[in-house]
Amino acid sequence: MKQISLNFISKKVLDFQKKKLKSAEYNLKKHIHEIERLEEIKNSDNSKEIENQRKMVKIWTDNIKKIKEEIKKIESR
């Protein structure tokens, strides 16, 4: 019984992590697209905004890496 519950919980956690991964990848693409859009404008006033978007890209890239590591841990059980 304990093994069955653990498998059920692991599957639920894995499903949740996969949903988080999909959401994180979407957010990463959104911020990359925003950087591209801002760079096309060629406006010096948006340099701070571009820098903020680059920070967000780094944050989401790190989040994606952590989520993928967590998924690997769960799948290896």
PDB file of N, CA and C in Angstrom:
ATOM      1  N   MET A   1       0.824  -1.204   0.000  1.00  0.00           N
ATOM      2  CA  MET A   1       0.000   0.000   0.000  1.00  0.00           C
ATOM      3  C   MET A   1       0.864   1.263   0.000  1.00  0.00           C
ATOM      4  N   LYS A   2       1.909   1.256   0.806  1.00  0.00           N
ATOM      5  CA  LYS A   2       2.785   2.418   0.887  1.00  0.00           C
ATOM      6  C   LYS A   2       3.450   2.694  -0.461  1.00  0.00           C
ATOM      7  N   GLN A   3       3.883   1.651  -1.167  1.00  0.00           N
ATOM      8  CA  GLN A   3       4.523   1.810  -2.470  1.00  0.00           C
ATOM      9  C   GLN A   3       3.549   2.414  -3.485  1.00  0.00           C
ATOM     10  N   ILE A   4       2.305   1.975  -3.447  1.00  0.00           N
ATOM     11  CA  ILE A   4       1.295   2.489  -4.372  1.00  0.00           C
ATOM     12  C   ILE A   4       1.071   3.981  -4.120  1.00  0.00           C
ATOM     13  N   SER A   5       0.965   4.386  -2.869  1.00  0.00           N
ATOM     14  CA  SER A   5       0.758   5.794  -2.533  1.00  0.00           C
ATOM     15  C   SER A   5       1.936   6.636  -2.994  1.00  0.00           C
ATOM     16  N   LEU A   6       3.142   6.117  -2.779  1.00  0.00           N
ATOM     17  CA  LEU A   6       4.330   6.841  -3.194  1.00  0.00           C
ATOM     18  C   LEU A   6       4.348   7.015  -4.708  1.00  0.00           C
ATOM     19  N   ASN A   7       4.013   5.966  -5.448  1.00  0.00           N
ATOM     20  CA  ASN A   7       3.966   6.069  -6.902  1.00  0.00           C
ATOM     21  C   ASN A   7       2.927   7.085  -7.342  1.00  0.00           C
ATOM     22  N   PHE A   8       1.772   7.069  -6.697  1.00  0.00           N
ATOM     23  CA  PHE A   8       0.714   8.013  -7.036  1.00  0.00           C
ATOM     24  C   PHE A   8       1.173   9.452  -6.779  1.00  0.00           C
ATOM     25  N   ILE A   9       1.785   9.662  -5.615  1.00  0.00           N
ATOM     26  CA  ILE A   9       2.266  10.992  -5.264  1.00  0.00           C
ATOM     27  C   ILE A   9       3.386  11.419  -6.219  1.00  0.00           C
ATOM     28  N   SER A  10       4.291  10.503  -6.502  1.00  0.00           N
ATOM     29  CA  SER A  10       5.391  10.816  -7.427  1.00  0.00           C
ATOM     30  C   SER A  10       4.848  11.204  -8.792  1.00  0.00           C
ATOM     31  N   LYS A  11       3.839  10.493  -9.254  1.00  0.00           N
ATOM     32  CA  LYS A  11       3.257  10.814 -10.555  1.00  0.00           C
ATOM     33  C   LYS A  11       2.620  12.203 -10.536  1.00  0.00           C
ATOM     34  N   LYS A  12       1.934  12.520  -9.449  1.00  0.00           N
ATOM     35  CA  LYS A  12       1.308  13.838  -9.334  1.00  0.00           C
ATOM     36  C   LYS A  12       2.368  14.942  -9.298  1.00  0.00           C
ATOM     37  N   VAL A  13       3.447  14.703  -8.550  1.00  0.00           N
ATOM     38  CA  VAL A  13       4.530  15.691  -8.476  1.00  0.00           C
ATOM     39  C   VAL A  13       5.188  15.843  -9.841  1.00  0.00           C
ATOM     40  N   LEU A  14       5.398  14.725 -10.534  1.00  0.00           N
ATOM     41  CA  LEU A  14       5.992  14.763 -11.869  1.00  0.00           C
ATOM     42  C   LEU A  14       5.105  15.549 -12.830  1.00  0.00           C
ATOM     43  N   ASP A  15       3.818  15.291 -12.795  1.00  0.00           N
ATOM     44  CA  ASP A  15       2.881  16.040 -13.648  1.00  0.00           C
ATOM     45  C   ASP A  15       2.940  17.540 -13.346  1.00  0.00           C
ATOM     46  N   PHE A  16       3.003  17.865 -12.067  1.00  0.00           N
ATOM     47  CA  PHE A  16       3.081  19.272 -11.662  1.00  0.00           C
ATOM     48  C   PHE A  16       4.375  19.907 -12.167  1.00  0.00           C
ATOM     49  N   GLN A  17       5.495  19.195 -12.035  1.00  0.00           N
ATOM     50  CA  GLN A  17       6.780  19.717 -12.498  1.00  0.00           C
ATOM     51  C   GLN A  17       6.771  19.929 -14.012  1.00  0.00           C
ATOM     52  N   LYS A  18       6.153  19.023 -14.737  1.00  0.00           N
ATOM     53  CA  LYS A  18       6.079  19.166 -16.197  1.00  0.00           C
ATOM     54  C   LYS A  18       5.245  20.382 -16.587  1.00  0.00           C
ATOM     55  N   LYS A  19       4.182  20.640 -15.829  1.00  0.00           N
ATOM     56  CA  LYS A  19       3.378  21.837 -16.081  1.00  0.00           C
ATOM     57  C   LYS A  19       4.186  23.098 -15.775  1.00  0.00           C
ATOM     58  N   LYS A  20       4.949  23.053 -14.680  1.00  0.00           N
ATOM     59  CA  LYS A  20       5.813  24.189 -14.341  1.00  0.00           C
ATOM     60  C   LYS A  20       6.845  24.423 -15.431  1.00  0.00           C
ATOM     61  N   LEU A  21       7.392  23.339 -15.972  1.00  0.00           N
ATOM     62  CA  LEU A  21       8.392  23.454 -17.029  1.00  0.00           C
ATOM     63  C   LEU A  21       7.791  24.115 -18.266  1.00  0.00           C
ATOM     64  N   LYS A  22       6.613  23.675 -18.638  1.00  0.00           N
ATOM     65  CA  LYS A  22       5.951  24.250 -19.808  1.00  0.00           C
ATOM     66  C   LYS A  22       5.698  25.754 -19.605  1.00  0.00           C
ATOM     67  N   SER A  23       5.243  26.118 -18.434  1.00  0.00           N
ATOM     68  CA  SER A  23       4.991  27.523 -18.112  1.00  0.00           C
ATOM     69  C   SER A  23       6.291  28.331 -18.117  1.00  0.00           C
ATOM     70  N   ALA A  24       7.342  27.773 -17.548  1.00  0.00           N
ATOM     71  CA  ALA A  24       8.641  28.462 -17.497  1.00  0.00           C
ATOM     72  C   ALA A  24       9.202  28.665 -18.903  1.00  0.00           C
ATOM     73  N   GLU A  25       9.062  27.659 -19.756  1.00  0.00           N
ATOM     74  CA  GLU A  25       9.543  27.792 -21.132  1.00  0.00           C
ATOM     75  C   GLU A  25       8.760  28.869 -21.877  1.00  0.00           C
ATOM     76  N   TYR A  26       7.471  28.944 -21.630  1.00  0.00           N
ATOM     77  CA  TYR A  26       6.646  29.982 -22.235  1.00  0.00           C
ATOM     78  C   TYR A  26       7.129  31.369 -21.789  1.00  0.00           C
ATOM     79  N   ASN A  27       7.367  31.523 -20.471  1.00  0.00           N
ATOM     80  CA  ASN A  27       7.831  32.809 -19.946  1.00  0.00           C
ATOM     81  C   ASN A  27       9.189  33.182 -20.511  1.00  0.00           C
ATOM     82  N   LEU A  28      10.072  32.214 -20.647  1.00  0.00           N
ATOM     83  CA  LEU A  28      11.385  32.477 -21.229  1.00  0.00           C
ATOM     84  C   LEU A  28      11.248  32.991 -22.659  1.00  0.00           C
ATOM     85  N   LYS A  29      10.436  32.327 -23.450  1.00  0.00           N
ATOM     86  CA  LYS A  29      10.232  32.757 -24.838  1.00  0.00           C
ATOM     87  C   LYS A  29       9.635  34.157 -24.904  1.00  0.00           C
ATOM     88  N   LYS A  30       8.725  34.441 -23.987  1.00  0.00           N
ATOM     89  CA  LYS A  30       8.085  35.754 -23.941  1.00  0.00           C
ATOM     90  C   LYS A  30       9.127  36.849 -23.686  1.00  0.00           C
ATOM     91  N   HIS A  31      10.036  36.624 -22.748  1.00  0.00           N
ATOM     92  CA  HIS A  31      11.054  37.622 -22.430  1.00  0.00           C
ATOM     93  C   HIS A  31      12.078  37.754 -23.559  1.00  0.00           C
ATOM     94  N   ILE A  32      12.421  36.661 -24.206  1.00  0.00           N
ATOM     95  CA  ILE A  32      13.337  36.729 -25.352  1.00  0.00           C
ATOM     96  C   ILE A  32      12.693  37.533 -26.477  1.00  0.00           C
ATOM     97  N   HIS A  33      11.436  37.267 -26.731  1.00  0.00           N
ATOM     98  CA  HIS A  33      10.709  38.005 -27.768  1.00  0.00           C
ATOM     99  C   HIS A  33      10.658  39.500 -27.429  1.00  0.00           C
ATOM    100  N   GLU A  34      10.467  39.821 -26.168  1.00  0.00           N
ATOM    101  CA  GLU A  34      10.410  41.221 -25.744  1.00  0.00           C
ATOM    102  C   GLU A  34      11.765  41.904 -25.958  1.00  0.00           C
ATOM    103  N   ILE A  35      12.866  41.201 -25.680  1.00  0.00           N
ATOM    104  CA  ILE A  35      14.197  41.764 -25.939  1.00  0.00           C
ATOM    105  C   ILE A  35      14.345  42.062 -27.427  1.00  0.00           C
ATOM    106  N   GLU A  36      13.964  41.103 -28.268  1.00  0.00           N
ATOM    107  CA  GLU A  36      14.066  41.300 -29.723  1.00  0.00           C
ATOM    108  C   GLU A  36      13.236  42.493 -30.173  1.00  0.00           C
ATOM    109  N   ARG A  37      12.038  42.612 -29.621  1.00  0.00           N
ATOM    110  CA  ARG A  37      11.161  43.725 -29.980  1.00  0.00           C
ATOM    111  C   ARG A  37      11.782  45.055 -29.566  1.00  0.00           C
ATOM    112  N   LEU A  38      12.313  45.105 -28.354  1.00  0.00           N
ATOM    113  CA  LEU A  38      12.912  46.342 -27.868  1.00  0.00           C
ATOM    114  C   LEU A  38      14.172  46.715 -28.653  1.00  0.00           C
ATOM    115  N   GLU A  39      14.947  45.728 -29.036  1.00  0.00           N
ATOM    116  CA  GLU A  39      16.171  46.001 -29.805  1.00  0.00           C
ATOM    117  C   GLU A  39      15.854  46.518 -31.204  1.00  0.00           C
ATOM    118  N   GLU A  40      14.734  46.113 -31.759  1.00  0.00           N
ATOM    119  CA  GLU A  40      14.336  46.588 -33.081  1.00  0.00           C
ATOM    120  C   GLU A  40      13.923  48.051 -33.067  1.00  0.00           C
ATOM    121  N   ILE A  41      13.471  48.535 -31.927  1.00  0.00           N
ATOM    122  CA  ILE A  41      12.991  49.913 -31.830  1.00  0.00           C
ATOM    123  C   ILE A  41      14.138  50.915 -31.965  1.00  0.00           C
ATOM    124  N   LYS A  42      15.331  50.538 -31.574  1.00  0.00           N
ATOM    125  CA  LYS A  42      16.524  51.402 -31.666  1.00  0.00           C
ATOM    126  C   LYS A  42      16.345  52.689 -30.882  1.00  0.00           C
ATOM    127  N   ASN A  43      15.770  52.568 -29.724  1.00  0.00           N
ATOM    128  CA  ASN A  43      15.537  53.718 -28.871  1.00  0.00           C
ATOM    129  C   ASN A  43      16.445  53.605 -27.644  1.00  0.00           C
ATOM    130  N   SER A  44      17.279  54.595 -27.427  1.00  0.00           N
ATOM    131  CA  SER A  44      18.220  54.537 -26.303  1.00  0.00           C
ATOM    132  C   SER A  44      17.510  54.580 -24.949  1.00  0.00           C
ATOM    133  N   ASP A  45      16.283  55.055 -24.930  1.00  0.00           N
ATOM    134  CA  ASP A  45      15.525  55.128 -23.675  1.00  0.00           C
ATOM    135  C   ASP A  45      15.120  53.752 -23.154  1.00  0.00           C
ATOM    136  N   ASN A  46      15.185  52.739 -23.993  1.00  0.00           N
ATOM    137  CA  ASN A  46      14.726  51.426 -23.561  1.00  0.00           C
ATOM    138  C   ASN A  46      15.870  50.506 -23.110  1.00  0.00           C
ATOM    139  N   SER A  47      17.069  51.047 -22.956  1.00  0.00           N
ATOM    140  CA  SER A  47      18.208  50.209 -22.565  1.00  0.00           C
ATOM    141  C   SER A  47      18.004  49.586 -21.187  1.00  0.00           C
ATOM    142  N   LYS A  48      17.397  50.326 -20.271  1.00  0.00           N
ATOM    143  CA  LYS A  48      17.129  49.778 -18.939  1.00  0.00           C
ATOM    144  C   LYS A  48      16.091  48.656 -19.026  1.00  0.00           C
ATOM    145  N   GLU A  49      15.115  48.849 -19.878  1.00  0.00           N
ATOM    146  CA  GLU A  49      14.086  47.828 -20.061  1.00  0.00           C
ATOM    147  C   GLU A  49      14.685  46.559 -20.683  1.00  0.00           C
ATOM    148  N   ILE A  50      15.588  46.730 -21.630  1.00  0.00           N
ATOM    149  CA  ILE A  50      16.265  45.583 -22.245  1.00  0.00           C
ATOM    150  C   ILE A  50      17.081  44.841 -21.186  1.00  0.00           C
ATOM    151  N   GLU A  51      17.784  45.589 -20.353  1.00  0.00           N
ATOM    152  CA  GLU A  51      18.583  44.967 -19.294  1.00  0.00           C
ATOM    153  C   GLU A  51      17.695  44.183 -18.324  1.00  0.00           C
ATOM    154  N   ASN A  52      16.548  44.738 -17.973  1.00  0.00           N
ATOM    155  CA  ASN A  52      15.602  44.035 -17.102  1.00  0.00           C
ATOM    156  C   ASN A  52      15.112  42.746 -17.761  1.00  0.00           C
ATOM    157  N   GLN A  53      14.837  42.802 -19.053  1.00  0.00           N
ATOM    158  CA  GLN A  53      14.385  41.607 -19.763  1.00  0.00           C
ATOM    159  C   GLN A  53      15.496  40.551 -19.802  1.00  0.00           C
ATOM    160  N   ARG A  54      16.730  40.986 -19.949  1.00  0.00           N
ATOM    161  CA  ARG A  54      17.863  40.036 -19.944  1.00  0.00           C
ATOM    162  C   ARG A  54      17.991  39.357 -18.585  1.00  0.00           C
ATOM    163  N   LYS A  55      17.750  40.113 -17.528  1.00  0.00           N
ATOM    164  CA  LYS A  55      17.768  39.523 -16.180  1.00  0.00           C
ATOM    165  C   LYS A  55      16.669  38.476 -16.049  1.00  0.00           C
ATOM    166  N   MET A  56      15.506  38.791 -16.600  1.00  0.00           N
ATOM    167  CA  MET A  56      14.400  37.839 -16.539  1.00  0.00           C
ATOM    168  C   MET A  56      14.719  36.566 -17.338  1.00  0.00           C
ATOM    169  N   VAL A  57      15.391  36.731 -18.466  1.00  0.00           N
ATOM    170  CA  VAL A  57      15.798  35.571 -19.268  1.00  0.00           C
ATOM    171  C   VAL A  57      16.729  34.685 -18.441  1.00  0.00           C
ATOM    172  N   LYS A  58      17.661  35.296 -17.725  1.00  0.00           N
ATOM    173  CA  LYS A  58      18.585  34.522 -16.888  1.00  0.00           C
ATOM    174  C   LYS A  58      17.820  33.795 -15.784  1.00  0.00           C
ATOM    175  N   ILE A  59      16.900  34.490 -15.142  1.00  0.00           N
ATOM    176  CA  ILE A  59      16.105  33.887 -14.070  1.00  0.00           C
ATOM    177  C   ILE A  59      15.317  32.695 -14.598  1.00  0.00           C
ATOM    178  N   TRP A  60      14.619  32.869 -15.724  1.00  0.00           N
ATOM    179  CA  TRP A  60      13.808  31.789 -16.266  1.00  0.00           C
ATOM    180  C   TRP A  60      14.668  30.641 -16.792  1.00  0.00           C
ATOM    181  N   THR A  61      15.835  30.947 -17.323  1.00  0.00           N
ATOM    182  CA  THR A  61      16.743  29.893 -17.771  1.00  0.00           C
ATOM    183  C   THR A  61      17.188  29.050 -16.570  1.00  0.00           C
ATOM    184  N   ASP A  62      17.523  29.710 -15.476  1.00  0.00           N
ATOM    185  CA  ASP A  62      17.908  28.992 -14.253  1.00  0.00           C
ATOM    186  C   ASP A  62      16.739  28.169 -13.708  1.00  0.00           C
ATOM    187  N   ASN A  63      15.547  28.755 -13.723  1.00  0.00           N
ATOM    188  CA  ASN A  63      14.363  28.020 -13.250  1.00  0.00           C
ATOM    189  C   ASN A  63      14.130  26.766 -14.079  1.00  0.00           C
ATOM    190  N   ILE A  64      14.254  26.882 -15.386  1.00  0.00           N
ATOM    191  CA  ILE A  64      14.051  25.737 -16.272  1.00  0.00           C
ATOM    192  C   ILE A  64      15.068  24.647 -15.954  1.00  0.00           C
ATOM    193  N   LYS A  65      16.300  25.038 -15.742  1.00  0.00           N
ATOM    194  CA  LYS A  65      17.345  24.064 -15.408  1.00  0.00           C
ATOM    195  C   LYS A  65      16.994  23.318 -14.117  1.00  0.00           C
ATOM    196  N   LYS A  66      16.558  24.053 -13.093  1.00  0.00           N
ATOM    197  CA  LYS A  66      16.194  23.438 -11.812  1.00  0.00           C
ATOM    198  C   LYS A  66      14.995  22.507 -11.961  1.00  0.00           C
ATOM    199  N   ILE A  67      14.011  22.920 -12.717  1.00  0.00           N
ATOM    200  CA  ILE A  67      12.817  22.087 -12.919  1.00  0.00           C
ATOM    201  C   ILE A  67      13.198  20.802 -13.642  1.00  0.00           C
ATOM    202  N   LYS A  68      14.044  20.904 -14.672  1.00  0.00           N
ATOM    203  CA  LYS A  68      14.478  19.706 -15.400  1.00  0.00           C
ATOM    204  C   LYS A  68      15.250  18.759 -14.494  1.00  0.00           C
ATOM    205  N   GLU A  69      16.072  19.300 -13.602  1.00  0.00           N
ATOM    206  CA  GLU A  69      16.795  18.459 -12.650  1.00  0.00           C
ATOM    207  C   GLU A  69      15.822  17.747 -11.712  1.00  0.00           C
ATOM    208  N   GLU A  70      14.809  18.455 -11.269  1.00  0.00           N
ATOM    209  CA  GLU A  70      13.810  17.866 -10.377  1.00  0.00           C
ATOM    210  C   GLU A  70      13.038  16.758 -11.101  1.00  0.00           C
ATOM    211  N   ILE A  71      12.701  16.985 -12.349  1.00  0.00           N
ATOM    212  CA  ILE A  71      12.002  15.965 -13.143  1.00  0.00           C
ATOM    213  C   ILE A  71      12.874  14.722 -13.280  1.00  0.00           C
ATOM    214  N   LYS A  72      14.165  14.909 -13.541  1.00  0.00           N
ATOM    215  CA  LYS A  72      15.081  13.774 -13.657  1.00  0.00           C
ATOM    216  C   LYS A  72      15.142  12.971 -12.360  1.00  0.00           C
ATOM    217  N   LYS A  73      15.179  13.689 -11.226  1.00  0.00           N
ATOM    218  CA  LYS A  73      15.200  12.997  -9.917  1.00  0.00           C
ATOM    219  C   LYS A  73      13.964  12.149  -9.731  1.00  0.00           C
ATOM    220  N   ILE A  74      12.826  12.718 -10.042  1.00  0.00           N
ATOM    221  CA  ILE A  74      11.560  12.000  -9.852  1.00  0.00           C
ATOM    222  C   ILE A  74      11.493  10.793 -10.779  1.00  0.00           C
ATOM    223  N   GLU A  75      11.906  10.960 -12.032  1.00  0.00           N
ATOM    224  CA  GLU A  75      11.827   9.872 -13.005  1.00  0.00           C
ATOM    225  C   GLU A  75      12.819   8.749 -12.680  1.00  0.00           C
ATOM    226  N   SER A  76      13.903   9.074 -11.990  1.00  0.00           N
ATOM    227  CA  SER A  76      14.911   8.047 -11.694  1.00  0.00           C
ATOM    228  C   SER A  76      14.528   7.184 -10.487  1.00  0.00           C
ATOM    229  N   ARG A  77      13.494   7.551  -9.774  1.00  0.00           N
ATOM    230  CA  ARG A  77      13.044   6.760  -8.616  1.00  0.00           C
ATOM    231  C   ARG A  77      12.428   5.473  -9.032  1.00  0.00           C
TER     232      ARG A  77
END
